[in-house]
Amino acid sequence: METKRADTVTAPRRFPMREVVLFAAVLVAVLGVYAVMGSAYGTRMLVEAACYAILALGLTIQWGYAGQFNAGVMGFVALGGFCAMFFSIPVNPAFWDSELPGELGLALLYMIGAVLLVFGATRLDRVGVPKVLRTVIAVLLAVVLYLVVINVFRDVTGQIESRAGFIGGLGLPVGVGWVVGGALAGGVGYFIGRICLGLRSDYLAIATLGIAEIIKAFLKNSDWLTRGTATVSPLPWPVPGPGEVGFTLARALYFSITAVMIAVIFFLLTRAYHAPWGRMIRAIRDNEVSAAAMGKDINKRRLEIFVLGCILMGIGGAALASFNSIFDPQGYLPLNHTFLVLVMVILGGPGNNLGTIFGAVAVYIIWIMSAPMALFLMDMAMALGAGLGWDTPTNMDSRALQARVFVIGLLITLVLRFAPKGLLPEKVKHHG
């Protein structure tokens, strides 16, 4: 008996016309920046855009893959920048050649012991203590131990600031700080996720925004650890610096490293997106109840994606801090390090890795060039006004910088109006 095989009909693959046109437009914009502003300025812009692309990829997997709205990107960027500083700058002999490291270590042991005691107090109900009494004991113990530990820390940190300035760094290769920065951001993200991922999306955004401000306040006020508002510079690069090979070549070498990082991250995320793990994450995003009915561990998977996004934000923040060659806790702003990344993801398309990279480069070009363009237009207007006898305003440079906010606000308004899913929206495949 002869069996017939059913013909398999395969839909023709369309030519990616939109992607080609959009990336061609970005290429033209980049070449225009090189022509107008010079190669050194243009290469610097590309490096910073690449660092922001890593941040945007971290946010797009949280928001695009899993629907988690993280409004605290700034905090994880700051943690990555801190690790880039702490692990790469030279050792401070004034601190390590004294007895201060031992005193600081003892204070840290006190803190760890206090945390363990409070944690043990929260488990007293397992040995028969009533829950109300357990809670009272845990709260009182936490308050008392906090006052004791903070007093010990205040004495030690005061001596560090007066005698050594700050503890300094570890003098390790720059890449170590980047890796540890991602790990630290992921660890903090794990702690936050265990507490906050059960919240609704709007409450999660509020919680992450508050935690980011707490991280910034800690880094800014810990002069013994970060020098606070005094800043730490210069930070070393993983490639030869401008003093060795010149600004343009040094920045080009730095850009090659960030480009390789983006390529590796893009490849791994694309593989994960099309793998069963990625389909499961999107199923949880689209219908959490149905995914739970299929036996999926919702909380575990949501925590995985949140931690993964935080790791990328920490790595991107470390790369950005090293390139700027300065660690300034006060320089981390929600506008620059949270809202701007959010605009990049919205413009490119949440859940689309290629669209996110496009959005990061396009938005950063607009962000950087809006001030020079605004200043050029203002100069033309002032020249015209001077010919007509008008009084020209002062402080045009600062006024031009404010145009950035207007341009980005106008851009996000237009995108939400005409392309709410982004210029390169997520491609959802329907089966059956």
Protein backbone atom coordinates (compact mmCIF):
# COMPACT_ATOMS: atom_id res chain seq x y z
CA MET A 1 0.00 0.00 0.00
CA GLU A 2 1.44 3.31 -1.03
CA THR A 3 1.40 6.11 1.48
CA LYS A 4 1.29 9.72 0.41
CA ARG A 5 3.19 12.39 2.22
CA ALA A 6 1.37 15.62 2.76
CA ASP A 7 3.01 18.58 1.14
CA THR A 8 4.45 21.06 3.59
CA VAL A 9 3.66 24.63 2.73
CA THR A 10 6.22 27.10 3.97
CA ALA A 11 5.38 30.77 4.05
CA PRO A 12 7.89 32.82 2.10
CA ARG A 13 10.24 34.79 4.27
CA ARG A 14 9.74 38.49 3.73
CA PHE A 15 12.61 40.83 3.03
CA PRO A 16 13.33 42.87 6.18
CA MET A 17 12.69 46.18 4.44
CA ARG A 18 11.79 48.11 7.60
CA GLU A 19 14.90 46.94 9.45
CA VAL A 20 17.16 47.84 6.50
CA VAL A 21 15.63 51.29 6.10
CA LEU A 22 15.82 52.14 9.81
CA PHE A 23 19.40 50.97 10.27
CA ALA A 24 20.40 52.74 7.06
CA ALA A 25 18.91 55.93 8.51
CA VAL A 26 20.92 55.43 11.70
CA LEU A 27 24.07 54.87 9.66
CA VAL A 28 23.46 58.11 7.77
CA ALA A 29 22.97 59.92 11.10
CA VAL A 30 26.22 58.49 12.47
CA LEU A 31 28.14 59.52 9.37
CA GLY A 32 26.61 62.97 9.66
CA VAL A 33 27.83 63.28 13.24
CA TYR A 34 31.33 62.22 12.14
CA ALA A 35 31.28 64.79 9.35
CA VAL A 36 30.03 67.66 11.51
CA MET A 37 31.56 66.96 14.94
CA GLY A 38 34.72 65.02 14.04
CA SER A 39 35.88 61.43 14.44
CA ALA A 40 36.82 61.67 18.13
CA TYR A 41 33.38 63.00 19.09
CA GLY A 42 31.56 60.52 16.85
CA THR A 43 33.47 57.53 18.23
CA ARG A 44 32.77 58.67 21.77
CA MET A 45 29.08 58.84 20.92
CA LEU A 46 29.15 55.29 19.55
CA VAL A 47 30.83 53.92 22.67
CA GLU A 48 28.29 55.56 24.98
CA ALA A 49 25.44 54.40 22.74
CA ALA A 50 26.81 50.84 22.91
CA CYS A 51 26.89 50.97 26.72
CA TYR A 52 23.31 52.23 26.72
CA ALA A 53 22.37 49.42 24.32
CA ILE A 54 23.50 46.89 26.96
CA LEU A 55 21.33 48.67 29.54
CA ALA A 56 18.39 48.68 27.12
CA LEU A 57 18.79 44.96 26.42
CA GLY A 58 18.60 44.35 30.16
CA LEU A 59 15.37 46.34 30.37
CA THR A 60 13.79 44.82 27.26
CA ILE A 61 14.07 41.28 28.59
CA GLN A 62 12.45 42.37 31.85
CA TRP A 63 9.71 44.45 30.29
CA GLY A 64 9.45 42.93 26.80
CA TYR A 65 9.92 39.27 27.71
CA ALA A 66 8.21 39.16 31.11
CA GLY A 67 6.19 42.37 31.43
CA GLN A 68 8.16 43.59 34.48
CA PHE A 69 8.33 47.39 34.57
CA ASN A 70 11.63 48.23 36.26
CA ALA A 71 11.82 51.96 37.04
CA GLY A 72 15.05 51.59 39.01
CA VAL A 73 17.56 51.08 36.20
CA MET A 74 19.66 53.90 37.66
CA GLY A 75 20.38 51.94 40.84
CA PHE A 76 21.80 48.92 39.01
CA VAL A 77 23.82 51.17 36.71
CA ALA A 78 25.31 52.85 39.79
CA LEU A 79 26.20 49.47 41.32
CA GLY A 80 28.03 48.50 38.14
CA GLY A 81 29.88 51.82 38.10
CA PHE A 82 30.88 51.38 41.74
CA CYS A 83 32.37 47.94 41.06
CA ALA A 84 34.24 49.26 38.02
CA MET A 85 35.76 51.91 40.28
CA PHE A 86 36.42 49.78 43.36
CA PHE A 87 38.10 46.87 41.59
CA SER A 88 40.21 48.81 39.10
CA ILE A 89 41.66 51.89 40.84
CA PRO A 90 44.99 51.48 42.68
CA VAL A 91 45.29 50.32 46.27
CA ASN A 92 45.33 53.02 48.95
CA PRO A 93 48.39 52.34 51.19
CA ALA A 94 47.19 54.85 53.81
CA PHE A 95 44.28 52.52 54.52
CA TRP A 96 45.77 49.05 54.06
CA ASP A 97 49.02 49.78 55.96
CA SER A 98 47.10 50.71 59.11
CA GLU A 99 44.88 48.83 61.56
CA LEU A 100 41.76 50.20 59.87
CA PRO A 101 41.08 47.12 57.66
CA GLY A 102 40.85 44.94 60.78
CA GLU A 103 38.48 47.36 62.49
CA LEU A 104 36.32 47.58 59.37
CA GLY A 105 36.26 43.79 59.10
CA LEU A 106 35.18 43.52 62.73
CA ALA A 107 32.36 46.00 62.09
CA LEU A 108 31.23 43.92 59.12
CA LEU A 109 31.21 40.81 61.31
CA TYR A 110 29.02 42.67 63.79
CA MET A 111 26.64 43.53 60.97
CA ILE A 112 26.49 39.93 59.72
CA GLY A 113 25.90 38.67 63.26
CA ALA A 114 23.11 41.20 63.77
CA VAL A 115 21.40 40.13 60.55
CA LEU A 116 21.62 36.47 61.58
CA LEU A 117 20.19 37.20 65.03
CA VAL A 118 17.23 39.11 63.58
CA PHE A 119 16.64 36.36 61.03
CA GLY A 120 16.69 33.79 63.81
CA ALA A 121 14.21 35.86 65.81
CA THR A 122 11.77 35.76 62.89
CA ARG A 123 11.80 31.95 63.14
CA LEU A 124 11.00 31.70 66.86
CA ASP A 125 7.44 30.59 66.08
CA ARG A 126 8.89 27.24 64.98
CA VAL A 127 9.92 26.52 68.59
CA GLY A 128 6.54 27.37 70.07
CA VAL A 129 6.77 31.16 70.52
CA PRO A 130 3.48 32.91 69.60
CA LYS A 131 3.63 34.81 66.34
CA VAL A 132 2.76 38.15 67.92
CA LEU A 133 5.52 37.78 70.52
CA ARG A 134 7.91 36.63 67.80
CA THR A 135 7.23 39.77 65.78
CA VAL A 136 7.72 42.04 68.80
CA ILE A 137 11.02 40.35 69.69
CA ALA A 138 12.28 40.56 66.11
CA VAL A 139 11.42 44.26 65.79
CA LEU A 140 12.95 45.24 69.14
CA LEU A 141 16.07 43.18 68.45
CA ALA A 142 16.42 44.76 65.00
CA VAL A 143 16.20 48.29 66.40
CA VAL A 144 18.70 47.65 69.21
CA LEU A 145 21.21 45.84 66.99
CA TYR A 146 20.89 48.53 64.31
CA LEU A 147 21.82 51.23 66.81
CA VAL A 148 24.79 49.20 68.04
CA VAL A 149 26.10 48.32 64.58
CA ILE A 150 25.62 51.81 63.15
CA ASN A 151 27.53 53.29 66.08
CA VAL A 152 30.44 50.90 65.47
CA PHE A 153 30.40 51.70 61.74
CA ARG A 154 30.30 55.44 62.38
CA ASP A 155 33.45 55.27 64.49
CA VAL A 156 35.36 53.15 61.97
CA THR A 157 34.29 55.11 58.89
CA GLY A 158 35.08 58.40 60.61
CA GLN A 159 38.64 57.22 61.22
CA ILE A 160 38.96 56.04 57.60
CA GLU A 161 37.86 59.42 56.25
CA SER A 162 40.12 61.41 58.58
CA ARG A 163 43.23 59.26 58.23
CA ALA A 164 43.08 57.70 54.75
CA GLY A 165 40.43 59.64 52.85
CA PHE A 166 38.72 56.47 51.66
CA ILE A 167 39.59 52.81 51.42
CA GLY A 168 40.67 53.00 47.76
CA GLY A 169 40.48 50.16 45.26
CA LEU A 170 41.91 46.70 44.67
CA GLY A 171 44.05 47.40 41.60
CA LEU A 172 42.65 44.46 39.62
CA PRO A 173 42.04 44.27 35.83
CA VAL A 174 39.11 46.33 34.59
CA GLY A 175 37.21 43.28 33.36
CA VAL A 176 37.03 41.91 36.89
CA GLY A 177 35.11 44.98 38.00
CA TRP A 178 32.70 44.61 35.08
CA VAL A 179 31.97 40.97 35.91
CA VAL A 180 31.59 41.66 39.62
CA GLY A 181 29.41 44.68 38.79
CA GLY A 182 27.02 42.44 36.91
CA ALA A 183 27.08 39.89 39.73
CA LEU A 184 26.43 42.53 42.40
CA ALA A 185 23.57 44.05 40.41
CA GLY A 186 22.14 40.56 39.91
CA GLY A 187 22.45 39.79 43.63
CA VAL A 188 20.67 43.00 44.60
CA GLY A 189 18.09 42.25 41.91
CA TYR A 190 17.54 38.80 43.43
CA PHE A 191 16.93 40.34 46.85
CA ILE A 192 14.54 42.93 45.37
CA GLY A 193 12.77 40.32 43.25
CA ARG A 194 12.14 38.02 46.21
CA ILE A 195 10.26 40.87 47.87
CA CYS A 196 8.73 42.90 45.05
CA LEU A 197 7.93 40.57 42.14
CA GLY A 198 4.65 39.63 43.78
CA LEU A 199 3.49 43.23 43.37
CA ARG A 200 1.46 44.52 40.46
CA SER A 201 3.39 46.21 37.66
CA ASP A 202 2.69 49.76 38.84
CA TYR A 203 3.67 48.97 42.43
CA LEU A 204 6.78 47.17 41.19
CA ALA A 205 7.77 50.33 39.31
CA ILE A 206 7.35 52.44 42.46
CA ALA A 207 9.32 49.96 44.56
CA THR A 208 12.25 49.74 42.13
CA LEU A 209 12.33 53.52 41.75
CA GLY A 210 12.59 53.95 45.53
CA ILE A 211 15.28 51.29 45.86
CA ALA A 212 17.33 52.96 43.12
CA GLU A 213 17.24 56.22 45.06
CA ILE A 214 18.33 54.37 48.22
CA ILE A 215 21.31 52.87 46.37
CA LYS A 216 22.29 56.29 45.03
CA ALA A 217 21.94 57.92 48.48
CA PHE A 218 24.12 55.21 50.07
CA LEU A 219 26.89 55.60 47.48
CA LYS A 220 26.74 59.40 47.64
CA ASN A 221 26.95 59.57 51.44
CA SER A 222 29.53 56.81 51.97
CA ASP A 223 32.61 58.99 51.66
CA TRP A 224 34.76 56.28 53.24
CA LEU A 225 33.85 53.91 50.39
CA THR A 226 33.26 56.08 47.29
CA ARG A 227 34.54 59.57 48.27
CA GLY A 228 30.95 60.70 47.83
CA THR A 229 30.57 63.96 45.94
CA ALA A 230 34.36 64.32 45.72
CA THR A 231 34.29 61.65 42.94
CA VAL A 232 36.99 59.15 42.00
CA SER A 233 39.03 59.57 38.82
CA PRO A 234 40.65 58.63 36.56
CA LEU A 235 39.36 55.09 36.12
CA PRO A 236 41.53 52.82 33.96
CA TRP A 237 40.39 51.43 30.62
CA PRO A 238 40.60 47.81 29.43
CA VAL A 239 42.39 49.12 26.31
CA PRO A 240 45.23 51.64 25.80
CA GLY A 241 44.06 55.10 26.83
CA PRO A 242 43.99 58.36 24.85
CA GLY A 243 47.35 59.35 26.28
CA GLU A 244 48.98 56.31 24.66
CA VAL A 245 47.34 56.00 21.23
CA GLY A 246 45.24 59.15 20.85
CA PHE A 247 41.57 59.90 21.47
CA THR A 248 40.13 58.46 18.28
CA LEU A 249 42.02 55.16 18.26
CA ALA A 250 41.55 54.60 21.98
CA ARG A 251 37.82 55.16 21.72
CA ALA A 252 37.67 52.93 18.64
CA LEU A 253 39.36 50.13 20.59
CA TYR A 254 36.92 50.64 23.46
CA PHE A 255 34.02 50.55 21.02
CA SER A 256 35.28 47.24 19.61
CA ILE A 257 35.03 45.70 23.08
CA THR A 258 31.50 46.98 23.68
CA ALA A 259 30.46 45.88 20.18
CA VAL A 260 31.68 42.34 20.86
CA MET A 261 29.81 42.36 24.17
CA ILE A 262 26.59 43.42 22.42
CA ALA A 263 27.05 40.75 19.74
CA VAL A 264 27.49 38.01 22.38
CA ILE A 265 24.54 39.25 24.46
CA PHE A 266 22.36 39.55 21.35
CA PHE A 267 23.22 36.01 20.24
CA LEU A 268 22.50 34.49 23.65
CA LEU A 269 19.26 36.41 24.16
CA THR A 270 18.02 35.52 20.67
CA ARG A 271 18.73 31.84 21.29
CA ALA A 272 16.98 32.02 24.66
CA TYR A 273 14.00 33.88 23.16
CA HIS A 274 13.33 31.14 20.59
CA ALA A 275 14.09 28.29 23.02
CA PRO A 276 11.42 26.63 25.19
CA TRP A 277 12.55 28.82 28.10
CA GLY A 278 11.75 31.98 26.13
CA ARG A 279 8.35 30.67 25.04
CA MET A 280 7.57 29.83 28.66
CA ILE A 281 8.54 33.35 29.80
CA ARG A 282 6.28 34.92 27.19
CA ALA A 283 3.46 32.55 28.12
CA ILE A 284 3.73 33.72 31.71
CA ARG A 285 3.69 37.34 30.52
CA ASP A 286 0.64 36.88 28.30
CA ASN A 287 -1.47 34.66 30.57
CA GLU A 288 -0.08 33.95 34.00
CA VAL A 289 -3.09 31.91 35.10
CA SER A 290 -2.88 29.54 32.13
CA ALA A 291 0.88 29.15 32.58
CA ALA A 292 0.38 28.26 36.25
CA ALA A 293 -2.30 25.75 35.27
CA MET A 294 0.28 24.09 33.00
CA GLY A 295 2.50 23.51 36.04
CA LYS A 296 5.01 26.33 35.47
CA ASP A 297 6.78 27.86 38.46
CA ILE A 298 5.70 31.47 37.90
CA ASN A 299 7.66 33.12 40.71
CA LYS A 300 10.89 31.29 39.89
CA ARG A 301 10.79 32.19 36.20
CA ARG A 302 9.91 35.82 36.86
CA LEU A 303 12.78 36.03 39.33
CA GLU A 304 15.16 34.52 36.76
CA ILE A 305 14.32 37.11 34.12
CA PHE A 306 14.50 39.99 36.60
CA VAL A 307 17.95 38.94 37.82
CA LEU A 308 19.19 38.44 34.26
CA GLY A 309 18.11 41.94 33.31
CA CYS A 310 19.80 43.41 36.38
CA ILE A 311 23.04 41.61 35.50
CA LEU A 312 23.10 43.25 32.07
CA MET A 313 22.36 46.64 33.63
CA GLY A 314 25.27 46.20 36.03
CA ILE A 315 27.65 45.25 33.21
CA GLY A 316 26.51 48.17 31.08
CA GLY A 317 26.87 50.56 34.01
CA ALA A 318 30.39 49.32 34.68
CA ALA A 319 31.40 49.76 31.04
CA LEU A 320 29.91 53.25 30.96
CA ALA A 321 31.67 54.35 34.17
CA SER A 322 35.03 53.04 32.97
CA PHE A 323 34.67 54.86 29.67
CA ASN A 324 33.77 58.16 31.36
CA SER A 325 36.83 57.53 33.57
CA ILE A 326 35.07 58.94 36.64
CA PHE A 327 32.79 57.62 39.35
CA ASP A 328 30.42 60.32 40.55
CA PRO A 329 27.48 59.01 42.63
CA GLN A 330 25.74 62.35 42.28
CA GLY A 331 25.89 62.06 38.48
CA TYR A 332 23.44 59.16 38.36
CA LEU A 333 20.10 60.72 37.48
CA PRO A 334 16.72 59.11 36.77
CA LEU A 335 16.42 61.16 33.58
CA ASN A 336 19.76 59.96 32.14
CA HIS A 337 19.91 56.41 33.49
CA THR A 338 16.29 55.27 33.72
CA PHE A 339 13.97 57.39 31.60
CA LEU A 340 16.36 57.56 28.64
CA VAL A 341 16.78 53.76 28.64
CA LEU A 342 13.01 53.41 28.81
CA VAL A 343 12.62 55.65 25.76
CA MET A 344 15.16 53.54 23.88
CA VAL A 345 13.17 50.37 24.54
CA ILE A 346 9.84 51.99 23.66
CA LEU A 347 11.18 53.42 20.41
CA GLY A 348 12.86 50.21 19.31
CA GLY A 349 10.15 47.82 20.47
CA PRO A 350 9.91 45.95 23.80
CA GLY A 351 10.77 42.29 23.38
CA ASN A 352 12.67 42.80 20.10
CA ASN A 353 16.42 42.60 20.69
CA LEU A 354 17.32 44.06 17.31
CA GLY A 355 14.80 46.85 17.78
CA THR A 356 16.23 47.62 21.21
CA ILE A 357 19.73 48.05 19.78
CA PHE A 358 18.33 50.31 17.05
CA GLY A 359 16.40 52.33 19.65
CA ALA A 360 19.45 52.71 21.86
CA VAL A 361 21.64 54.08 19.06
CA ALA A 362 18.92 56.28 17.53
CA VAL A 363 17.75 57.81 20.81
CA TYR A 364 21.30 58.45 22.02
CA ILE A 365 22.15 60.24 18.76
CA ILE A 366 19.07 62.41 19.21
CA TRP A 367 19.93 62.98 22.89
CA ILE A 368 23.52 64.01 22.16
CA MET A 369 22.91 66.09 19.05
CA SER A 370 19.76 67.90 20.20
CA ALA A 371 21.81 70.40 22.25
CA PRO A 372 24.24 71.39 19.42
CA MET A 373 21.35 71.61 16.96
CA ALA A 374 19.31 73.74 19.36
CA LEU A 375 22.32 76.00 19.97
CA PHE A 376 22.81 76.36 16.20
CA LEU A 377 19.18 77.37 15.71
CA MET A 378 19.34 79.76 18.65
CA ASP A 379 22.47 81.41 17.22
CA MET A 380 20.70 81.89 13.92
CA ALA A 381 17.70 83.39 15.69
CA MET A 382 19.95 85.72 17.71
CA ALA A 383 21.77 86.85 14.57
CA LEU A 384 18.44 87.59 12.94
CA GLY A 385 17.21 89.35 16.08
CA ALA A 386 20.35 91.47 16.34
CA GLY A 387 19.76 92.71 12.81
CA LEU A 388 16.24 93.73 13.82
CA GLY A 389 17.38 95.43 17.02
CA TRP A 390 16.10 92.79 19.45
CA ASP A 391 17.71 92.13 22.83
CA THR A 392 19.37 88.70 22.71
CA PRO A 393 19.13 86.46 25.81
CA THR A 394 22.17 85.15 27.68
CA ASN A 395 23.23 81.64 28.83
CA MET A 396 22.39 80.10 25.48
CA ASP A 397 24.52 77.02 26.19
CA SER A 398 22.45 76.05 29.23
CA ARG A 399 19.26 76.85 27.37
CA ALA A 400 20.33 74.58 24.52
CA LEU A 401 20.95 71.70 26.95
CA GLN A 402 17.35 71.97 28.12
CA ALA A 403 16.28 71.25 24.55
CA ARG A 404 17.25 67.61 25.14
CA VAL A 405 14.31 67.08 27.47
CA PHE A 406 11.91 68.74 25.04
CA VAL A 407 13.14 66.71 22.06
CA ILE A 408 13.02 63.38 23.93
CA GLY A 409 9.56 64.21 25.29
CA LEU A 410 8.34 65.07 21.80
CA LEU A 411 9.90 61.88 20.42
CA ILE A 412 8.25 59.60 22.96
CA THR A 413 4.90 61.34 22.37
CA LEU A 414 5.12 60.75 18.62
CA VAL A 415 6.17 57.13 19.06
CA LEU A 416 3.35 56.37 21.50
CA ARG A 417 0.90 58.04 19.11
CA PHE A 418 1.96 56.50 15.80
CA ALA A 419 3.95 53.36 16.78
CA PRO A 420 2.87 52.26 20.28
CA LYS A 421 4.60 48.89 19.87
CA GLY A 422 7.85 50.48 18.68
CA LEU A 423 9.37 50.96 15.26
CA LEU A 424 10.49 47.30 15.27
CA PRO A 425 7.81 45.54 17.32
CA GLU A 426 8.13 42.07 18.74
CA LYS A 427 7.46 39.38 16.15
CA VAL A 428 4.95 36.95 17.62
CA LYS A 429 4.65 33.64 15.82
CA HIS A 430 1.24 31.98 15.83
CA HIS A 431 1.18 28.18 15.58
CA GLY A 432 -1.71 26.09 14.38
